[in-house]
Amino acid sequence: PKTLSRAFHNNPFTDFAIHSERQKMETALRDVQSTMGQTHPLVIDHKNINTERTIDRYNPSHPDQLVGRICLASNEHADLSVTSARTAFTAWKKASVNTRTQVLKNLADILERDRYTLAATQVIECGKPWSEADGDIAEAIDFCRYYAAEMLRIAKGDRTGSVPGESNWLHYQPIGVTLVIAPWNFPLAILTGMVTAAVVTGNTVIMKPA
């Protein structure tokens, strides 16, 4: 039936019992390890910003391995982020629903393309087992595709009330700048869920990853 063909389906987990899947993950782990130790800047208004204050992030499974050096934001950087997000909101809130949902669909495709690299990053940075890291990526993909589909649904509006002679409709409107501070336990999935929910509904986001 058509209703079933359009139903949302969760992204399947990777079966690491399959030799070829293990090989892809092993390759991704080597690739991620080859890039360890880099400094990661802030990104504000499409600009990379390096700061004097940084924090070193080590592999919890191998405490002598420096995963990367993370730039820390100041109060001034926070203010700049708010200003930039407010400016972007004036245009983004007017973007069509199709434009906003397409951004999420594109992101889902990118996450799926880079699935093994993202999972390998979590194994090294968070100490997650392969299966749990892969599950986190799958959930992030699900958030993108599910929220895109739901936004298309709710954008149509809902008829409310039944007063004779009246036609009342409920529509949702974006409200402005949002702040997302992601927890450590699902560093990509929860981050993606909160960010995409705000973005697809027409808001702008200041994002602090786990």
N, C-alpha and C. Protein backbone atom coordinates (compact mmCIF):
# COMPACT_ATOMS: atom_id res chain seq x y z
N PRO A 1 0.82 -1.21 0.00
CA PRO A 1 0.00 0.00 0.00
C PRO A 1 0.86 1.26 0.00
N LYS A 2 0.33 2.34 -0.57
CA LYS A 2 1.09 3.58 -0.65
C LYS A 2 1.46 4.10 0.73
N THR A 3 0.56 3.94 1.70
CA THR A 3 0.85 4.44 3.04
C THR A 3 2.07 3.75 3.64
N LEU A 4 2.28 2.48 3.30
CA LEU A 4 3.43 1.76 3.82
C LEU A 4 4.71 2.14 3.06
N SER A 5 4.61 2.39 1.77
CA SER A 5 5.78 2.71 0.98
C SER A 5 6.36 4.07 1.38
N ARG A 6 5.51 4.96 1.91
CA ARG A 6 5.99 6.27 2.30
C ARG A 6 6.37 6.32 3.79
N ALA A 7 6.19 5.22 4.51
CA ALA A 7 6.46 5.20 5.94
C ALA A 7 7.94 5.39 6.21
N PHE A 8 8.24 5.99 7.37
CA PHE A 8 9.63 6.19 7.77
C PHE A 8 10.23 4.86 8.20
N HIS A 9 11.46 4.61 7.78
CA HIS A 9 12.17 3.41 8.19
C HIS A 9 13.51 3.81 8.80
N ASN A 10 13.83 3.24 9.96
CA ASN A 10 15.11 3.53 10.59
C ASN A 10 16.27 3.04 9.73
N ASN A 11 17.35 3.78 9.76
CA ASN A 11 18.55 3.38 9.05
C ASN A 11 19.11 2.11 9.70
N PRO A 12 19.36 1.06 8.93
CA PRO A 12 19.84 -0.19 9.53
C PRO A 12 21.25 -0.05 10.08
N PHE A 13 21.53 -0.81 11.14
CA PHE A 13 22.87 -0.81 11.72
C PHE A 13 23.82 -1.61 10.83
N THR A 14 25.08 -1.30 10.93
CA THR A 14 26.09 -2.04 10.19
C THR A 14 26.33 -3.40 10.86
N ASP A 15 26.39 -4.44 10.07
CA ASP A 15 26.63 -5.79 10.59
C ASP A 15 28.13 -6.08 10.49
N PHE A 16 28.81 -5.93 11.61
CA PHE A 16 30.26 -6.11 11.61
C PHE A 16 30.67 -7.59 11.61
N ALA A 17 29.68 -8.49 11.58
CA ALA A 17 29.99 -9.90 11.37
C ALA A 17 30.39 -10.16 9.93
N ILE A 18 30.08 -9.20 9.05
CA ILE A 18 30.43 -9.30 7.64
C ILE A 18 31.86 -8.78 7.45
N HIS A 19 32.68 -9.58 6.84
CA HIS A 19 34.10 -9.25 6.72
C HIS A 19 34.33 -7.91 6.01
N SER A 20 33.61 -7.65 4.94
CA SER A 20 33.82 -6.41 4.18
C SER A 20 33.47 -5.19 5.02
N GLU A 21 32.49 -5.32 5.92
CA GLU A 21 32.12 -4.19 6.78
C GLU A 21 33.23 -3.93 7.80
N ARG A 22 33.82 -4.97 8.32
CA ARG A 22 34.94 -4.80 9.26
C ARG A 22 36.12 -4.14 8.57
N GLN A 23 36.36 -4.53 7.32
CA GLN A 23 37.46 -3.92 6.58
C GLN A 23 37.26 -2.42 6.38
N LYS A 24 36.02 -2.02 6.07
CA LYS A 24 35.72 -0.59 5.90
C LYS A 24 35.97 0.17 7.20
N MET A 25 35.58 -0.42 8.32
CA MET A 25 35.77 0.23 9.61
C MET A 25 37.25 0.31 9.97
N GLU A 26 37.98 -0.75 9.70
CA GLU A 26 39.42 -0.74 9.99
C GLU A 26 40.14 0.32 9.16
N THR A 27 39.74 0.46 7.90
CA THR A 27 40.32 1.49 7.04
C THR A 27 40.00 2.88 7.59
N ALA A 28 38.75 3.07 8.02
CA ALA A 28 38.34 4.37 8.57
C ALA A 28 39.11 4.69 9.84
N LEU A 29 39.34 3.71 10.67
CA LEU A 29 40.10 3.93 11.90
C LEU A 29 41.52 4.38 11.59
N ARG A 30 42.15 3.75 10.60
CA ARG A 30 43.51 4.15 10.21
C ARG A 30 43.51 5.57 9.65
N ASP A 31 42.50 5.89 8.86
CA ASP A 31 42.43 7.24 8.28
C ASP A 31 42.25 8.30 9.36
N VAL A 32 41.38 8.04 10.32
CA VAL A 32 41.16 9.01 11.41
C VAL A 32 42.41 9.16 12.26
N GLN A 33 43.07 8.04 12.56
CA GLN A 33 44.29 8.10 13.37
C GLN A 33 45.38 8.92 12.68
N SER A 34 45.39 8.90 11.36
CA SER A 34 46.42 9.65 10.62
C SER A 34 46.21 11.16 10.70
N THR A 35 45.04 11.59 11.13
CA THR A 35 44.75 13.03 11.22
C THR A 35 44.72 13.53 12.66
N MET A 36 45.06 12.68 13.61
CA MET A 36 44.99 13.07 15.02
C MET A 36 46.00 14.15 15.35
N GLY A 37 45.67 14.96 16.36
CA GLY A 37 46.58 15.98 16.86
C GLY A 37 46.39 17.35 16.24
N GLN A 38 45.44 17.49 15.33
CA GLN A 38 45.21 18.80 14.69
C GLN A 38 44.49 19.75 15.64
N THR A 39 44.61 21.04 15.36
CA THR A 39 43.88 22.06 16.11
C THR A 39 42.59 22.38 15.37
N HIS A 40 41.49 22.40 16.09
CA HIS A 40 40.18 22.61 15.49
C HIS A 40 39.63 23.98 15.92
N PRO A 41 39.45 24.89 14.97
CA PRO A 41 39.04 26.26 15.31
C PRO A 41 37.55 26.38 15.56
N LEU A 42 37.15 27.52 16.10
CA LEU A 42 35.74 27.89 16.13
C LEU A 42 35.31 28.21 14.70
N VAL A 43 34.03 28.10 14.42
CA VAL A 43 33.49 28.51 13.12
C VAL A 43 32.33 29.46 13.39
N ILE A 44 32.53 30.73 13.04
CA ILE A 44 31.51 31.76 13.26
C ILE A 44 31.36 32.55 11.96
N ASP A 45 30.14 32.61 11.48
CA ASP A 45 29.84 33.37 10.26
C ASP A 45 30.73 32.91 9.09
N HIS A 46 30.86 31.61 8.93
CA HIS A 46 31.62 30.99 7.84
C HIS A 46 33.12 31.21 7.95
N LYS A 47 33.60 31.67 9.10
CA LYS A 47 35.04 31.93 9.26
C LYS A 47 35.61 31.02 10.34
N ASN A 48 36.81 30.47 10.05
CA ASN A 48 37.54 29.69 11.06
C ASN A 48 38.28 30.66 11.98
N ILE A 49 38.13 30.47 13.29
CA ILE A 49 38.75 31.37 14.26
C ILE A 49 39.58 30.54 15.23
N ASN A 50 40.89 30.75 15.20
CA ASN A 50 41.79 30.10 16.15
C ASN A 50 41.94 30.97 17.39
N THR A 51 41.98 30.34 18.55
CA THR A 51 42.08 31.08 19.80
C THR A 51 43.31 30.64 20.58
N GLU A 52 43.75 31.50 21.50
CA GLU A 52 44.90 31.16 22.33
C GLU A 52 44.52 30.08 23.35
N ARG A 53 43.30 30.16 23.85
CA ARG A 53 42.84 29.18 24.83
C ARG A 53 42.35 27.93 24.09
N THR A 54 42.91 26.79 24.46
CA THR A 54 42.52 25.52 23.83
C THR A 54 42.40 24.44 24.91
N ILE A 55 41.80 23.33 24.53
CA ILE A 55 41.74 22.17 25.42
C ILE A 55 42.18 20.95 24.62
N ASP A 56 43.00 20.13 25.23
CA ASP A 56 43.49 18.92 24.57
C ASP A 56 42.51 17.77 24.83
N ARG A 57 42.17 17.04 23.76
CA ARG A 57 41.23 15.92 23.86
C ARG A 57 42.01 14.64 23.60
N TYR A 58 42.05 13.74 24.62
CA TYR A 58 42.79 12.49 24.50
C TYR A 58 41.85 11.31 24.33
N ASN A 59 42.36 10.26 23.71
CA ASN A 59 41.62 9.02 23.53
C ASN A 59 41.45 8.35 24.89
N PRO A 60 40.21 8.19 25.39
CA PRO A 60 40.03 7.60 26.71
C PRO A 60 40.49 6.14 26.79
N SER A 61 40.55 5.45 25.65
CA SER A 61 41.03 4.07 25.63
C SER A 61 42.55 3.99 25.59
N HIS A 62 43.18 5.07 25.10
CA HIS A 62 44.65 5.16 25.04
C HIS A 62 45.02 6.58 25.45
N PRO A 63 45.11 6.84 26.76
CA PRO A 63 45.26 8.21 27.27
C PRO A 63 46.49 8.96 26.79
N ASP A 64 47.43 8.27 26.17
CA ASP A 64 48.61 8.95 25.66
C ASP A 64 48.41 9.47 24.24
N GLN A 65 47.25 9.15 23.62
CA GLN A 65 46.98 9.59 22.25
C GLN A 65 46.18 10.89 22.24
N LEU A 66 46.78 11.93 21.70
CA LEU A 66 46.09 13.20 21.57
C LEU A 66 45.20 13.15 20.33
N VAL A 67 43.89 13.22 20.54
CA VAL A 67 42.95 13.19 19.42
C VAL A 67 42.97 14.53 18.68
N GLY A 68 42.92 15.61 19.44
CA GLY A 68 42.92 16.92 18.81
C GLY A 68 42.95 18.02 19.85
N ARG A 69 43.22 19.21 19.40
CA ARG A 69 43.26 20.39 20.27
C ARG A 69 42.10 21.29 19.86
N ILE A 70 41.23 21.60 20.82
CA ILE A 70 39.99 22.31 20.53
C ILE A 70 40.09 23.76 20.99
N CYS A 71 39.79 24.69 20.11
CA CYS A 71 39.79 26.11 20.46
C CYS A 71 38.59 26.44 21.34
N LEU A 72 38.80 27.24 22.36
CA LEU A 72 37.74 27.61 23.30
C LEU A 72 37.26 29.03 23.03
N ALA A 73 35.96 29.20 23.09
CA ALA A 73 35.36 30.50 22.81
C ALA A 73 35.39 31.39 24.04
N SER A 74 35.50 32.69 23.80
CA SER A 74 35.42 33.69 24.86
C SER A 74 34.02 34.30 24.89
N ASN A 75 33.78 35.19 25.84
CA ASN A 75 32.50 35.90 25.86
C ASN A 75 32.29 36.70 24.58
N GLU A 76 33.37 37.26 24.06
CA GLU A 76 33.27 38.04 22.82
C GLU A 76 32.88 37.15 21.65
N HIS A 77 33.43 35.94 21.62
CA HIS A 77 33.06 35.00 20.55
C HIS A 77 31.58 34.60 20.67
N ALA A 78 31.12 34.43 21.90
CA ALA A 78 29.71 34.08 22.11
C ALA A 78 28.81 35.21 21.60
N ASP A 79 29.18 36.45 21.90
CA ASP A 79 28.40 37.59 21.43
C ASP A 79 28.40 37.66 19.91
N LEU A 80 29.55 37.40 19.31
CA LEU A 80 29.66 37.42 17.85
C LEU A 80 28.79 36.32 17.24
N SER A 81 28.73 35.17 17.89
CA SER A 81 27.89 34.07 17.39
C SER A 81 26.41 34.46 17.41
N VAL A 82 25.98 35.11 18.48
CA VAL A 82 24.58 35.53 18.58
C VAL A 82 24.26 36.56 17.49
N THR A 83 25.15 37.52 17.32
CA THR A 83 24.93 38.54 16.29
C THR A 83 24.85 37.91 14.90
N SER A 84 25.75 36.99 14.61
CA SER A 84 25.76 36.32 13.31
C SER A 84 24.50 35.50 13.10
N ALA A 85 24.08 34.79 14.14
CA ALA A 85 22.88 33.95 14.03
C ALA A 85 21.62 34.80 13.86
N ARG A 86 21.58 35.95 14.51
CA ARG A 86 20.43 36.85 14.36
C ARG A 86 20.36 37.39 12.94
N THR A 87 21.51 37.74 12.40
CA THR A 87 21.54 38.25 11.03
C THR A 87 21.09 37.17 10.05
N ALA A 88 21.57 35.96 10.24
CA ALA A 88 21.20 34.86 9.34
C ALA A 88 19.72 34.53 9.46
N PHE A 89 19.14 34.72 10.63
CA PHE A 89 17.74 34.38 10.85
C PHE A 89 16.80 35.21 9.97
N THR A 90 17.16 36.45 9.71
CA THR A 90 16.26 37.31 8.92
C THR A 90 16.00 36.73 7.54
N ALA A 91 16.99 36.01 6.98
CA ALA A 91 16.80 35.39 5.67
C ALA A 91 16.31 33.95 5.79
N TRP A 92 16.87 33.20 6.76
CA TRP A 92 16.53 31.79 6.86
C TRP A 92 15.06 31.56 7.21
N LYS A 93 14.49 32.43 8.03
CA LYS A 93 13.09 32.24 8.40
C LYS A 93 12.15 32.37 7.20
N LYS A 94 12.63 33.02 6.13
CA LYS A 94 11.82 33.20 4.93
C LYS A 94 12.07 32.10 3.89
N ALA A 95 13.05 31.24 4.16
CA ALA A 95 13.35 30.16 3.21
C ALA A 95 12.15 29.22 3.12
N SER A 96 11.92 28.70 1.93
CA SER A 96 10.77 27.81 1.72
C SER A 96 10.95 26.52 2.50
N VAL A 97 9.85 25.86 2.77
CA VAL A 97 9.90 24.57 3.46
C VAL A 97 10.69 23.56 2.64
N ASN A 98 10.54 23.59 1.33
CA ASN A 98 11.30 22.66 0.48
C ASN A 98 12.80 22.91 0.60
N THR A 99 13.20 24.18 0.69
CA THR A 99 14.62 24.50 0.84
C THR A 99 15.15 23.97 2.16
N ARG A 100 14.40 24.18 3.23
CA ARG A 100 14.84 23.75 4.55
C ARG A 100 14.91 22.23 4.66
N THR A 101 13.90 21.56 4.15
CA THR A 101 13.91 20.09 4.24
C THR A 101 14.98 19.48 3.35
N GLN A 102 15.29 20.14 2.23
CA GLN A 102 16.33 19.62 1.34
C GLN A 102 17.69 19.69 2.02
N VAL A 103 17.91 20.69 2.86
CA VAL A 103 19.16 20.78 3.61
C VAL A 103 19.33 19.55 4.49
N LEU A 104 18.24 19.14 5.15
CA LEU A 104 18.31 17.95 6.01
C LEU A 104 18.53 16.68 5.20
N LYS A 105 17.88 16.58 4.05
CA LYS A 105 18.07 15.41 3.20
C LYS A 105 19.51 15.33 2.70
N ASN A 106 20.06 16.47 2.33
CA ASN A 106 21.46 16.50 1.89
C ASN A 106 22.40 16.09 3.01
N LEU A 107 22.11 16.59 4.22
CA LEU A 107 22.94 16.23 5.37
C LEU A 107 22.88 14.74 5.64
N ALA A 108 21.69 14.16 5.54
CA ALA A 108 21.55 12.71 5.74
C ALA A 108 22.42 11.94 4.75
N ASP A 109 22.45 12.40 3.51
CA ASP A 109 23.27 11.74 2.49
C ASP A 109 24.77 11.85 2.83
N ILE A 110 25.17 13.00 3.34
CA ILE A 110 26.57 13.20 3.71
C ILE A 110 26.95 12.31 4.90
N LEU A 111 26.07 12.24 5.89
CA LEU A 111 26.32 11.39 7.05
C LEU A 111 26.44 9.92 6.64
N GLU A 112 25.58 9.52 5.72
CA GLU A 112 25.64 8.14 5.26
C GLU A 112 26.91 7.88 4.46
N ARG A 113 27.31 8.85 3.65
CA ARG A 113 28.54 8.71 2.87
C ARG A 113 29.76 8.57 3.78
N ASP A 114 29.78 9.34 4.87
CA ASP A 114 30.93 9.38 5.78
C ASP A 114 30.71 8.53 7.03
N ARG A 115 29.80 7.60 6.95
CA ARG A 115 29.38 6.82 8.12
C ARG A 115 30.55 6.16 8.86
N TYR A 116 31.44 5.51 8.13
CA TYR A 116 32.53 4.78 8.78
C TYR A 116 33.54 5.74 9.40
N THR A 117 33.80 6.85 8.73
CA THR A 117 34.73 7.84 9.29
C THR A 117 34.17 8.44 10.57
N LEU A 118 32.88 8.76 10.58
CA LEU A 118 32.26 9.33 11.77
C LEU A 118 32.23 8.33 12.91
N ALA A 119 31.93 7.08 12.60
CA ALA A 119 31.94 6.05 13.64
C ALA A 119 33.34 5.83 14.19
N ALA A 120 34.32 5.82 13.30
CA ALA A 120 35.71 5.65 13.74
C ALA A 120 36.15 6.81 14.63
N THR A 121 35.69 8.00 14.31
CA THR A 121 36.03 9.17 15.13
C THR A 121 35.49 8.99 16.55
N GLN A 122 34.28 8.46 16.68
CA GLN A 122 33.72 8.23 18.01
C GLN A 122 34.46 7.13 18.76
N VAL A 123 34.88 6.10 18.05
CA VAL A 123 35.64 5.04 18.70
C VAL A 123 36.91 5.62 19.32
N ILE A 124 37.57 6.50 18.59
CA ILE A 124 38.84 7.06 19.05
C ILE A 124 38.63 8.18 20.07
N GLU A 125 37.67 9.06 19.81
CA GLU A 125 37.49 10.22 20.69
C GLU A 125 36.70 9.89 21.96
N CYS A 126 35.73 8.98 21.86
CA CYS A 126 34.84 8.70 22.98
C CYS A 126 35.06 7.33 23.61
N GLY A 127 35.81 6.48 22.94
CA GLY A 127 36.01 5.13 23.45
C GLY A 127 34.80 4.23 23.26
N LYS A 128 33.94 4.55 22.30
CA LYS A 128 32.75 3.72 22.06
C LYS A 128 33.13 2.43 21.33
N PRO A 129 32.43 1.33 21.64
CA PRO A 129 32.58 0.13 20.81
C PRO A 129 32.08 0.41 19.39
N TRP A 130 32.54 -0.38 18.45
CA TRP A 130 32.16 -0.16 17.05
C TRP A 130 30.65 -0.08 16.88
N SER A 131 29.92 -1.05 17.44
CA SER A 131 28.48 -1.13 17.21
C SER A 131 27.75 0.08 17.77
N GLU A 132 28.19 0.57 18.95
CA GLU A 132 27.52 1.73 19.54
C GLU A 132 27.84 3.00 18.76
N ALA A 133 29.05 3.11 18.29
CA ALA A 133 29.41 4.27 17.47
C ALA A 133 28.60 4.27 16.18
N ASP A 134 28.49 3.12 15.54
CA ASP A 134 27.71 3.01 14.31
C ASP A 134 26.24 3.32 14.56
N GLY A 135 25.71 2.86 15.70
CA GLY A 135 24.32 3.15 16.03
C GLY A 135 24.06 4.63 16.20
N ASP A 136 25.03 5.34 16.73
CA ASP A 136 24.90 6.79 16.91
C ASP A 136 24.80 7.50 15.56
N ILE A 137 25.59 7.04 14.59
CA ILE A 137 25.54 7.64 13.26
C ILE A 137 24.20 7.33 12.60
N ALA A 138 23.73 6.10 12.74
CA ALA A 138 22.45 5.72 12.16
C ALA A 138 21.32 6.57 12.72
N GLU A 139 21.38 6.84 14.01
CA GLU A 139 20.32 7.66 14.63
C GLU A 139 20.38 9.09 14.12
N ALA A 140 21.57 9.62 13.91
CA ALA A 140 21.70 10.97 13.36
C ALA A 140 21.09 11.05 11.97
N ILE A 141 21.32 10.04 11.16
CA ILE A 141 20.72 9.98 9.82
C ILE A 141 19.19 9.95 9.93
N ASP A 142 18.70 9.15 10.88
CA ASP A 142 17.26 9.05 11.08
C ASP A 142 16.65 10.40 11.44
N PHE A 143 17.31 11.15 12.32
CA PHE A 143 16.79 12.46 12.70
C PHE A 143 16.61 13.35 11.47
N CYS A 144 17.61 13.37 10.62
CA CYS A 144 17.55 14.23 9.43
C CYS A 144 16.36 13.87 8.56
N ARG A 145 16.20 12.61 8.25
CA ARG A 145 15.16 12.19 7.32
C ARG A 145 13.77 12.25 7.94
N TYR A 146 13.68 11.91 9.22
CA TYR A 146 12.37 11.94 9.88
C TYR A 146 11.88 13.38 10.04
N TYR A 147 12.75 14.26 10.50
CA TYR A 147 12.34 15.66 10.71
C TYR A 147 12.03 16.35 9.38
N ALA A 148 12.74 15.98 8.33
CA ALA A 148 12.43 16.56 7.01
C ALA A 148 11.02 16.15 6.60
N ALA A 149 10.69 14.88 6.77
CA ALA A 149 9.36 14.40 6.41
C ALA A 149 8.28 15.02 7.28
N GLU A 150 8.55 15.15 8.58
CA GLU A 150 7.57 15.74 9.48
C GLU A 150 7.35 17.22 9.19
N MET A 151 8.41 17.93 8.80
CA MET A 151 8.25 19.35 8.48
C MET A 151 7.36 19.53 7.26
N LEU A 152 7.51 18.68 6.27
CA LEU A 152 6.64 18.74 5.10
C LEU A 152 5.18 18.50 5.50
N ARG A 153 4.99 17.65 6.48
CA ARG A 153 3.62 17.35 6.92
C ARG A 153 3.01 18.52 7.68
N ILE A 154 3.74 19.04 8.69
CA ILE A 154 3.15 20.08 9.53
C ILE A 154 3.08 21.43 8.81
N ALA A 155 3.89 21.60 7.75
CA ALA A 155 3.87 22.87 7.02
C ALA A 155 2.53 23.12 6.33
N LYS A 156 1.78 22.05 6.12
CA LYS A 156 0.47 22.19 5.48
C LYS A 156 -0.54 22.86 6.39
N GLY A 157 -0.26 22.88 7.69
CA GLY A 157 -1.19 23.48 8.64
C GLY A 157 -2.27 22.52 9.06
N ASP A 158 -2.96 22.86 10.14
CA ASP A 158 -4.04 22.04 10.66
C ASP A 158 -5.31 22.88 10.81
N ARG A 159 -6.39 22.35 10.35
CA ARG A 159 -7.69 23.02 10.53
C ARG A 159 -8.12 22.88 11.99
N THR A 160 -8.50 23.97 12.60
CA THR A 160 -8.91 23.92 14.01
C THR A 160 -10.30 24.53 14.16
N GLY A 161 -11.02 24.04 15.14
CA GLY A 161 -12.33 24.60 15.44
C GLY A 161 -13.38 24.21 14.41
N SER A 162 -14.61 24.46 14.78
CA SER A 162 -15.72 24.13 13.88
C SER A 162 -16.83 25.17 14.00
N VAL A 163 -16.44 26.45 14.14
CA VAL A 163 -17.41 27.54 14.27
C VAL A 163 -18.03 27.80 12.90
N PRO A 164 -19.35 27.81 12.79
CA PRO A 164 -19.99 28.09 11.49
C PRO A 164 -19.56 29.44 10.93
N GLY A 165 -19.22 29.45 9.64
CA GLY A 165 -18.83 30.69 8.99
C GLY A 165 -17.37 31.05 9.15
N GLU A 166 -16.59 30.26 9.89
CA GLU A 166 -15.18 30.55 10.10
C GLU A 166 -14.31 29.42 9.55
N SER A 167 -13.10 29.79 9.12
CA SER A 167 -12.11 28.81 8.69
C SER A 167 -10.82 29.12 9.45
N ASN A 168 -10.53 28.34 10.49
CA ASN A 168 -9.39 28.59 11.36
C ASN A 168 -8.29 27.54 11.12
N TRP A 169 -7.07 28.05 10.99
CA TRP A 169 -5.94 27.18 10.71
C TRP A 169 -4.80 27.44 11.69
N LEU A 170 -4.10 26.37 12.04
CA LEU A 170 -2.92 26.47 12.89
C LEU A 170 -1.67 26.33 12.02
N HIS A 171 -0.77 27.32 12.10
CA HIS A 171 0.51 27.26 11.39
C HIS A 171 1.64 27.56 12.38
N TYR A 172 2.78 26.93 12.15
CA TYR A 172 3.95 27.13 13.00
C TYR A 172 4.87 28.18 12.39
N GLN A 173 5.48 29.01 13.25
CA GLN A 173 6.39 30.05 12.78
C GLN A 173 7.73 29.94 13.50
N PRO A 174 8.84 30.21 12.81
CA PRO A 174 10.15 30.23 13.48
C PRO A 174 10.20 31.37 14.49
N ILE A 175 11.01 31.19 15.54
CA ILE A 175 11.03 32.18 16.62
C ILE A 175 12.37 32.89 16.78
N GLY A 176 13.45 32.37 16.19
CA GLY A 176 14.71 33.10 16.31
C GLY A 176 15.93 32.23 16.49
N VAL A 177 16.88 32.73 17.27
CA VAL A 177 18.17 32.06 17.49
C VAL A 177 18.02 31.02 18.60
N THR A 178 18.57 29.84 18.38
CA THR A 178 18.57 28.78 19.38
C THR A 178 20.01 28.40 19.73
N LEU A 179 20.17 27.82 20.90
CA LEU A 179 21.48 27.35 21.36
C LEU A 179 21.39 25.86 21.64
N VAL A 180 22.30 25.09 21.07
CA VAL A 180 22.34 23.65 21.29
C VAL A 180 23.65 23.29 21.98
N ILE A 181 23.53 22.70 23.17
CA ILE A 181 24.70 22.20 23.90
C ILE A 181 24.52 20.70 24.04
N ALA A 182 25.29 19.95 23.28
CA ALA A 182 25.07 18.50 23.18
C ALA A 182 25.76 17.75 24.34
N PRO A 183 25.12 16.68 24.84
CA PRO A 183 25.74 15.84 25.87
C PRO A 183 26.77 14.90 25.27
N TRP A 184 27.50 14.24 26.13
CA TRP A 184 28.64 13.42 25.70
C TRP A 184 28.25 12.03 25.25
N ASN A 185 27.09 11.51 25.73
CA ASN A 185 26.84 10.08 25.56
C ASN A 185 26.45 9.69 24.13
N PHE A 186 25.74 10.58 23.43
CA PHE A 186 25.44 10.37 22.01
C PHE A 186 25.89 11.62 21.27
N PRO A 187 27.19 11.78 21.07
CA PRO A 187 27.75 13.07 20.65
C PRO A 187 27.31 13.55 19.27
N LEU A 188 26.90 12.64 18.38
CA LEU A 188 26.43 13.09 17.08
C LEU A 188 24.91 13.02 16.98
N ALA A 189 24.31 11.94 17.46
CA ALA A 189 22.86 11.76 17.29
C ALA A 189 22.06 12.85 18.00
N ILE A 190 22.34 13.08 19.27
CA ILE A 190 21.56 14.08 20.01
C ILE A 190 21.85 15.48 19.47
N LEU A 191 23.09 15.75 19.16
CA LEU A 191 23.45 17.03 18.56
C LEU A 191 22.68 17.25 17.26
N THR A 192 22.67 16.24 16.41
CA THR A 192 21.99 16.35 15.11
C THR A 192 20.49 16.53 15.30
N GLY A 193 19.91 15.77 16.22
CA GLY A 193 18.48 15.88 16.45
C GLY A 193 18.06 17.27 16.87
N MET A 194 18.79 17.86 17.81
CA MET A 194 18.43 19.19 18.30
C MET A 194 18.66 20.26 17.24
N VAL A 195 19.79 20.16 16.53
CA VAL A 195 20.11 21.18 15.53
C VAL A 195 19.14 21.12 14.35
N THR A 196 18.89 19.92 13.83
CA THR A 196 18.03 19.83 12.64
C THR A 196 16.59 20.21 12.95
N ALA A 197 16.12 19.91 14.16
CA ALA A 197 14.76 20.31 14.53
C ALA A 197 14.62 21.82 14.48
N ALA A 198 15.63 22.54 14.96
CA ALA A 198 15.58 24.00 14.95
C ALA A 198 15.74 24.55 13.54
N VAL A 199 16.66 23.99 12.79
CA VAL A 199 16.96 24.51 11.45
C VAL A 199 15.79 24.30 10.49
N VAL A 200 15.20 23.10 10.50
CA VAL A 200 14.15 22.81 9.53
C VAL A 200 12.89 23.61 9.81
N THR A 201 12.71 24.09 11.04
CA THR A 201 11.55 24.91 11.35
C THR A 201 11.81 26.39 11.16
N GLY A 202 12.98 26.72 10.59
CA GLY A 202 13.25 28.11 10.21
C GLY A 202 14.05 28.92 11.20
N ASN A 203 14.62 28.26 12.22
CA ASN A 203 15.43 28.97 13.19
C ASN A 203 16.92 28.82 12.87
N THR A 204 17.73 29.67 13.47
CA THR A 204 19.18 29.53 13.33
C THR A 204 19.74 28.99 14.64
N VAL A 205 20.94 28.39 14.56
CA VAL A 205 21.47 27.64 15.68
C VAL A 205 22.92 28.02 15.99
N ILE A 206 23.19 28.22 17.26
CA ILE A 206 24.57 28.28 17.75
C ILE A 206 24.83 26.90 18.36
N MET A 207 25.84 26.22 17.87
CA MET A 207 26.04 24.81 18.20
C MET A 207 27.34 24.61 18.98
N LYS A 208 27.22 23.98 20.16
CA LYS A 208 28.40 23.56 20.91
C LYS A 208 28.43 22.04 20.95
N PRO A 209 29.30 21.42 20.19
CA PRO A 209 29.38 19.95 20.19
C PRO A 209 29.80 19.42 21.55
N ALA A 210 29.60 18.12 21.73
CA ALA A 210 30.02 17.47 22.99
C ALA A 210 31.54 17.58 23.13
